[in-house]
């Protein structure tokens, strides 16, 4: 059931009226200035990079698309939070996979996974 409009408030509901009052405070301001090269948000800005200056903001390295880039991510992404979540993070996961299965990502200096040769399998459906 629709809430009746309030003619004393321009015909809008109390919820919409309150939303209009708080909208400007709730919209995030863009603090970056494209005209100012020292505060221009690009792929090499500290908040876009996984660096020590802003470690939990950026996840990239500034390289094109950061595809299969094992240096990207925050410290928590890379090393995990061993105090609260033992085994979390990319490095512990790679170490576990390497010790359990004998392979890991080539980009991290490990032996990459190789799919088994199924060319001699008979009677199986190939998709």
N, C-alpha and C. Protein backbone atom coordinates (compact mmCIF):
# COMPACT_ATOMS: atom_id res chain seq x y z
N UNK A 1 0.85 -1.17 0.00
CA UNK A 1 0.00 0.00 0.00
C UNK A 1 0.89 1.24 0.00
N UNK A 2 0.69 2.11 -0.92
CA UNK A 2 1.50 3.32 -1.04
C UNK A 2 1.20 4.28 0.10
N UNK A 3 2.24 4.95 0.55
CA UNK A 3 2.09 5.93 1.61
C UNK A 3 1.45 7.19 1.02
N UNK A 4 0.47 7.77 1.69
CA UNK A 4 -0.15 8.97 1.14
C UNK A 4 0.84 10.12 1.09
N UNK A 5 0.71 10.95 0.06
CA UNK A 5 1.62 12.08 -0.07
C UNK A 5 1.27 13.14 0.98
N UNK A 6 2.25 13.95 1.29
CA UNK A 6 2.09 15.01 2.28
C UNK A 6 2.05 16.33 1.52
N UNK A 7 0.89 16.92 1.44
CA UNK A 7 0.74 18.16 0.68
C UNK A 7 1.51 19.31 1.31
N UNK A 8 1.82 19.21 2.60
CA UNK A 8 2.60 20.26 3.25
C UNK A 8 4.09 20.17 2.91
N UNK A 9 4.48 19.10 2.25
CA UNK A 9 5.89 18.87 1.96
C UNK A 9 6.11 18.72 0.46
N UNK A 10 5.39 19.47 -0.33
CA UNK A 10 5.54 19.41 -1.78
C UNK A 10 5.00 18.14 -2.40
N UNK A 11 4.16 17.42 -1.69
CA UNK A 11 3.56 16.20 -2.24
C UNK A 11 4.47 14.99 -2.20
N UNK A 12 5.57 15.03 -1.43
CA UNK A 12 6.46 13.87 -1.34
C UNK A 12 6.37 13.26 0.05
N UNK A 13 6.75 12.00 0.14
CA UNK A 13 6.65 11.29 1.41
C UNK A 13 7.73 11.76 2.38
N UNK A 14 7.55 11.42 3.64
CA UNK A 14 8.53 11.75 4.68
C UNK A 14 9.87 11.10 4.37
N UNK A 15 9.85 9.87 3.89
CA UNK A 15 11.08 9.16 3.55
C UNK A 15 11.84 9.89 2.43
N UNK A 16 11.11 10.29 1.39
CA UNK A 16 11.76 11.00 0.29
C UNK A 16 12.28 12.36 0.76
N UNK A 17 11.53 13.02 1.60
CA UNK A 17 11.95 14.32 2.13
C UNK A 17 13.25 14.19 2.92
N UNK A 18 13.30 13.19 3.81
CA UNK A 18 14.52 12.96 4.59
C UNK A 18 15.67 12.56 3.68
N UNK A 19 15.38 11.75 2.68
CA UNK A 19 16.42 11.35 1.72
C UNK A 19 17.01 12.53 1.01
N UNK A 20 16.16 13.48 0.62
CA UNK A 20 16.66 14.69 -0.05
C UNK A 20 17.55 15.51 0.87
N UNK A 21 17.22 15.56 2.16
CA UNK A 21 18.02 16.32 3.11
C UNK A 21 19.41 15.72 3.30
N UNK A 22 19.50 14.40 3.34
CA UNK A 22 20.75 13.73 3.65
C UNK A 22 21.54 13.30 2.41
N UNK A 23 20.98 13.44 1.23
CA UNK A 23 21.63 12.97 0.00
C UNK A 23 23.02 13.58 -0.20
N UNK A 24 23.14 14.90 -0.05
CA UNK A 24 24.43 15.54 -0.28
C UNK A 24 25.50 15.05 0.69
N UNK A 25 25.13 14.75 1.92
CA UNK A 25 26.11 14.24 2.89
C UNK A 25 26.49 12.79 2.60
N UNK A 26 25.60 12.05 1.97
CA UNK A 26 25.85 10.63 1.75
C UNK A 26 26.54 10.34 0.43
N UNK A 27 26.54 11.27 -0.49
CA UNK A 27 27.21 11.05 -1.76
C UNK A 27 28.70 11.30 -1.55
N UNK A 28 29.50 10.32 -1.94
CA UNK A 28 30.94 10.43 -1.76
C UNK A 28 31.49 11.49 -2.70
N UNK A 29 32.31 12.36 -2.15
CA UNK A 29 32.93 13.40 -2.96
C UNK A 29 34.16 12.86 -3.65
N UNK A 30 34.37 13.25 -4.89
CA UNK A 30 35.57 12.91 -5.62
C UNK A 30 36.65 13.92 -5.23
N UNK A 31 37.62 13.47 -4.47
CA UNK A 31 38.65 14.38 -3.99
C UNK A 31 39.84 14.45 -4.94
N UNK A 32 39.75 13.76 -6.06
CA UNK A 32 40.83 13.76 -7.03
C UNK A 32 40.61 14.88 -8.04
N UNK A 33 41.69 15.48 -8.49
CA UNK A 33 41.62 16.60 -9.41
C UNK A 33 42.41 16.24 -10.66
N UNK A 34 41.72 16.00 -11.75
CA UNK A 34 42.40 15.59 -12.98
C UNK A 34 43.30 16.66 -13.54
N UNK A 35 43.06 17.93 -13.20
CA UNK A 35 43.91 19.02 -13.70
C UNK A 35 45.21 19.11 -12.91
N UNK A 36 45.22 18.61 -11.69
CA UNK A 36 46.40 18.68 -10.83
C UNK A 36 47.12 17.33 -10.90
N UNK A 37 48.28 17.28 -11.53
CA UNK A 37 48.97 16.00 -11.72
C UNK A 37 49.39 15.35 -10.41
N UNK A 38 49.53 16.10 -9.33
CA UNK A 38 49.90 15.50 -8.05
C UNK A 38 48.71 14.81 -7.39
N UNK A 39 47.49 15.13 -7.82
CA UNK A 39 46.29 14.51 -7.25
C UNK A 39 45.38 14.00 -8.35
N UNK A 40 45.95 13.45 -9.38
CA UNK A 40 45.21 12.91 -10.52
C UNK A 40 45.09 11.40 -10.31
N UNK A 41 43.87 10.89 -10.24
CA UNK A 41 43.69 9.46 -9.98
C UNK A 41 43.91 8.68 -11.26
N UNK A 42 44.99 7.93 -11.29
CA UNK A 42 45.34 7.08 -12.43
C UNK A 42 45.72 5.71 -11.91
N UNK A 43 46.14 4.82 -12.79
CA UNK A 43 46.54 3.48 -12.37
C UNK A 43 47.81 3.50 -11.53
N UNK A 44 48.53 4.63 -11.51
CA UNK A 44 49.73 4.71 -10.69
C UNK A 44 49.54 5.55 -9.42
N UNK A 45 48.30 5.96 -9.13
CA UNK A 45 48.01 6.69 -7.89
C UNK A 45 48.16 5.74 -6.71
N UNK A 46 48.61 6.27 -5.57
CA UNK A 46 48.86 5.40 -4.42
C UNK A 46 47.62 4.65 -3.95
N UNK A 47 46.44 5.21 -4.16
CA UNK A 47 45.23 4.49 -3.74
C UNK A 47 44.81 3.42 -4.75
N UNK A 48 45.45 3.39 -5.91
CA UNK A 48 45.18 2.33 -6.89
C UNK A 48 46.22 1.22 -6.77
N UNK A 49 47.35 1.52 -6.15
CA UNK A 49 48.45 0.56 -6.07
C UNK A 49 48.44 -0.21 -4.75
N UNK A 50 48.97 -1.39 -4.80
CA UNK A 50 49.21 -2.17 -3.59
C UNK A 50 50.58 -1.76 -3.07
N UNK A 51 50.64 -0.68 -2.31
CA UNK A 51 51.91 -0.18 -1.81
C UNK A 51 51.83 0.00 -0.30
N UNK A 52 52.95 0.38 0.31
CA UNK A 52 52.97 0.52 1.76
C UNK A 52 52.36 1.84 2.22
N UNK A 53 52.17 2.81 1.32
CA UNK A 53 51.60 4.09 1.71
C UNK A 53 50.11 3.97 2.02
N UNK A 54 49.38 3.26 1.20
CA UNK A 54 47.95 3.01 1.42
C UNK A 54 47.69 1.51 1.20
N UNK A 55 48.14 0.65 2.13
CA UNK A 55 48.17 -0.79 1.88
C UNK A 55 46.82 -1.47 1.68
N UNK A 56 45.75 -0.96 2.25
CA UNK A 56 44.47 -1.66 2.13
C UNK A 56 43.55 -1.04 1.10
N UNK A 57 43.99 0.00 0.41
CA UNK A 57 43.15 0.62 -0.61
C UNK A 57 43.38 -0.02 -1.97
N UNK A 58 44.56 0.16 -2.52
CA UNK A 58 44.84 -0.30 -3.87
C UNK A 58 45.13 -1.78 -3.92
N UNK A 59 44.88 -2.34 -5.07
CA UNK A 59 45.15 -3.76 -5.27
C UNK A 59 46.06 -4.00 -6.47
N UNK A 60 46.31 -2.96 -7.27
CA UNK A 60 47.05 -3.13 -8.51
C UNK A 60 48.51 -2.80 -8.40
N UNK A 61 49.21 -2.94 -9.53
CA UNK A 61 50.64 -2.63 -9.60
C UNK A 61 50.91 -1.50 -10.59
N UNK A 62 49.89 -1.03 -11.29
CA UNK A 62 50.07 0.00 -12.30
C UNK A 62 50.34 -0.56 -13.67
N UNK A 63 50.45 -1.88 -13.79
CA UNK A 63 50.66 -2.52 -15.08
C UNK A 63 49.32 -2.69 -15.78
N UNK A 64 49.34 -2.84 -17.08
CA UNK A 64 48.12 -2.95 -17.86
C UNK A 64 47.29 -4.14 -17.41
N UNK A 65 46.11 -3.90 -16.89
CA UNK A 65 45.11 -4.87 -16.44
C UNK A 65 45.55 -5.78 -15.30
N UNK A 66 46.83 -5.80 -14.95
CA UNK A 66 47.33 -6.67 -13.87
C UNK A 66 46.88 -8.12 -14.03
N UNK A 67 46.88 -8.61 -15.24
CA UNK A 67 46.46 -9.99 -15.50
C UNK A 67 47.55 -10.95 -15.02
N UNK A 68 47.16 -11.96 -14.25
CA UNK A 68 48.07 -12.96 -13.69
C UNK A 68 49.29 -12.30 -13.06
N UNK A 69 49.04 -11.29 -12.27
CA UNK A 69 50.11 -10.56 -11.61
C UNK A 69 50.11 -10.95 -10.15
N UNK A 70 51.10 -11.69 -9.72
CA UNK A 70 51.12 -12.22 -8.37
C UNK A 70 51.71 -11.25 -7.36
N UNK A 71 52.03 -10.03 -7.81
CA UNK A 71 52.48 -8.99 -6.89
C UNK A 71 51.34 -8.06 -6.52
N UNK A 72 50.19 -8.19 -7.17
CA UNK A 72 49.05 -7.31 -6.92
C UNK A 72 48.32 -7.75 -5.66
N UNK A 73 47.59 -6.83 -5.08
CA UNK A 73 46.79 -7.11 -3.89
C UNK A 73 47.37 -6.45 -2.67
N UNK A 74 46.55 -6.34 -1.65
CA UNK A 74 47.01 -5.76 -0.39
C UNK A 74 47.81 -6.80 0.38
N UNK A 75 48.41 -6.38 1.48
CA UNK A 75 49.16 -7.31 2.32
C UNK A 75 48.27 -8.45 2.80
N UNK A 76 47.00 -8.13 3.12
CA UNK A 76 46.07 -9.18 3.55
C UNK A 76 45.75 -10.14 2.41
N UNK A 77 45.64 -9.62 1.18
CA UNK A 77 45.39 -10.50 0.03
C UNK A 77 46.56 -11.45 -0.17
N UNK A 78 47.76 -10.92 -0.03
CA UNK A 78 48.96 -11.71 -0.32
C UNK A 78 49.30 -12.64 0.84
N UNK A 79 49.41 -12.11 2.05
CA UNK A 79 49.88 -12.90 3.19
C UNK A 79 48.77 -13.40 4.09
N UNK A 80 47.57 -12.88 3.95
CA UNK A 80 46.45 -13.30 4.77
C UNK A 80 46.50 -12.68 6.15
N UNK A 81 45.56 -13.07 6.96
CA UNK A 81 45.48 -12.61 8.35
C UNK A 81 45.68 -13.84 9.23
N UNK A 82 46.94 -14.16 9.47
CA UNK A 82 47.25 -15.42 10.16
C UNK A 82 46.80 -15.41 11.62
N UNK A 83 46.61 -14.23 12.21
CA UNK A 83 46.13 -14.16 13.59
C UNK A 83 44.69 -14.61 13.71
N UNK A 84 43.86 -14.29 12.72
CA UNK A 84 42.43 -14.64 12.78
C UNK A 84 42.04 -15.75 11.82
N UNK A 85 42.74 -15.86 10.73
CA UNK A 85 42.36 -16.83 9.70
C UNK A 85 43.61 -17.55 9.21
N UNK A 86 44.05 -18.52 9.95
CA UNK A 86 45.26 -19.26 9.60
C UNK A 86 45.08 -19.91 8.23
N UNK A 87 46.07 -19.72 7.38
CA UNK A 87 46.02 -20.30 6.04
C UNK A 87 45.43 -19.38 5.00
N UNK A 88 44.92 -18.21 5.43
CA UNK A 88 44.34 -17.29 4.46
C UNK A 88 45.46 -16.55 3.73
N UNK A 89 45.14 -16.00 2.59
CA UNK A 89 46.11 -15.27 1.80
C UNK A 89 46.66 -16.11 0.66
N UNK A 90 47.16 -15.42 -0.35
CA UNK A 90 47.65 -16.09 -1.55
C UNK A 90 48.92 -16.90 -1.30
N UNK A 91 49.89 -16.36 -0.57
CA UNK A 91 51.16 -17.07 -0.35
C UNK A 91 50.93 -18.37 0.43
N UNK A 92 50.19 -18.36 1.55
CA UNK A 92 49.94 -19.63 2.24
C UNK A 92 49.15 -20.63 1.38
N UNK A 93 48.23 -20.12 0.56
CA UNK A 93 47.46 -21.03 -0.30
C UNK A 93 48.35 -21.67 -1.35
N UNK A 94 49.24 -20.87 -1.94
CA UNK A 94 50.19 -21.43 -2.92
C UNK A 94 51.08 -22.47 -2.27
N UNK A 95 51.57 -22.16 -1.06
CA UNK A 95 52.45 -23.11 -0.36
C UNK A 95 51.72 -24.41 -0.05
N UNK A 96 50.47 -24.30 0.37
CA UNK A 96 49.68 -25.51 0.66
C UNK A 96 49.46 -26.33 -0.61
N UNK A 97 49.08 -25.66 -1.69
CA UNK A 97 48.87 -26.39 -2.95
C UNK A 97 50.15 -27.04 -3.44
N UNK A 98 51.26 -26.32 -3.35
CA UNK A 98 52.54 -26.87 -3.81
C UNK A 98 52.95 -28.07 -2.97
N UNK A 99 52.76 -27.99 -1.64
CA UNK A 99 53.16 -29.12 -0.79
C UNK A 99 52.20 -30.30 -0.91
N UNK A 100 50.93 -30.02 -1.17
CA UNK A 100 49.94 -31.10 -1.26
C UNK A 100 49.89 -31.72 -2.65
N UNK A 101 49.87 -30.88 -3.68
CA UNK A 101 49.65 -31.37 -5.04
C UNK A 101 50.87 -31.26 -5.94
N UNK A 102 51.87 -30.51 -5.52
CA UNK A 102 53.09 -30.42 -6.29
C UNK A 102 53.09 -29.39 -7.40
N UNK A 103 52.13 -28.49 -7.39
CA UNK A 103 52.11 -27.45 -8.42
C UNK A 103 51.53 -26.16 -7.88
N UNK A 104 51.76 -25.09 -8.62
CA UNK A 104 51.26 -23.77 -8.28
C UNK A 104 51.38 -22.88 -9.50
N UNK A 105 51.08 -21.60 -9.38
CA UNK A 105 51.13 -20.72 -10.54
C UNK A 105 52.56 -20.47 -11.02
N UNK A 106 52.76 -20.53 -12.33
CA UNK A 106 54.08 -20.29 -12.90
C UNK A 106 54.57 -18.88 -12.59
N UNK A 107 53.65 -17.91 -12.54
CA UNK A 107 54.02 -16.54 -12.26
C UNK A 107 54.59 -16.35 -10.86
N UNK A 108 54.33 -17.30 -9.98
CA UNK A 108 54.87 -17.24 -8.62
C UNK A 108 56.12 -18.11 -8.50
N UNK A 109 56.67 -18.55 -9.64
CA UNK A 109 57.89 -19.36 -9.64
C UNK A 109 57.66 -20.81 -9.30
N UNK A 110 56.44 -21.31 -9.47
CA UNK A 110 56.13 -22.70 -9.15
C UNK A 110 55.88 -23.49 -10.44
N UNK A 111 55.83 -24.80 -10.31
CA UNK A 111 55.53 -25.65 -11.45
C UNK A 111 54.04 -25.53 -11.75
N UNK A 112 53.68 -25.08 -12.96
CA UNK A 112 52.26 -24.91 -13.26
C UNK A 112 51.54 -26.25 -13.41
N UNK A 113 50.24 -26.23 -13.16
CA UNK A 113 49.41 -27.40 -13.34
C UNK A 113 49.33 -27.75 -14.81
N UNK A 114 49.43 -29.02 -15.11
CA UNK A 114 49.30 -29.48 -16.49
C UNK A 114 48.18 -30.51 -16.51
N UNK A 115 47.20 -30.27 -17.37
CA UNK A 115 46.08 -31.21 -17.48
C UNK A 115 46.59 -32.55 -17.97
N UNK A 116 46.05 -33.64 -17.46
CA UNK A 116 46.51 -34.95 -17.91
C UNK A 116 46.16 -35.20 -19.37
N UNK A 117 46.97 -36.00 -20.02
CA UNK A 117 46.74 -36.36 -21.41
C UNK A 117 45.61 -37.39 -21.47
N UNK A 118 44.51 -37.02 -22.09
CA UNK A 118 43.37 -37.94 -22.20
C UNK A 118 43.17 -38.43 -23.62
N UNK A 119 44.18 -38.22 -24.47
CA UNK A 119 44.03 -38.58 -25.88
C UNK A 119 43.87 -40.08 -26.10
N UNK A 120 44.35 -40.91 -25.20
CA UNK A 120 44.25 -42.37 -25.37
C UNK A 120 43.05 -42.97 -24.67
N UNK A 121 42.25 -42.12 -24.00
CA UNK A 121 41.05 -42.62 -23.35
C UNK A 121 40.04 -43.04 -24.41
N UNK A 122 39.46 -44.21 -24.25
CA UNK A 122 38.49 -44.74 -25.23
C UNK A 122 37.09 -44.72 -24.63
N UNK A 123 36.11 -44.34 -25.45
CA UNK A 123 34.73 -44.40 -25.04
C UNK A 123 34.27 -43.23 -24.17
N UNK A 124 35.07 -42.19 -24.07
CA UNK A 124 34.65 -41.04 -23.28
C UNK A 124 34.21 -39.92 -24.20
N UNK A 125 33.28 -39.17 -23.73
CA UNK A 125 32.75 -38.06 -24.50
C UNK A 125 33.74 -36.90 -24.42
N UNK A 126 34.04 -36.31 -25.54
CA UNK A 126 34.90 -35.13 -25.59
C UNK A 126 34.04 -33.91 -25.79
N UNK A 127 34.18 -32.95 -24.93
CA UNK A 127 33.37 -31.74 -25.03
C UNK A 127 34.23 -30.61 -25.53
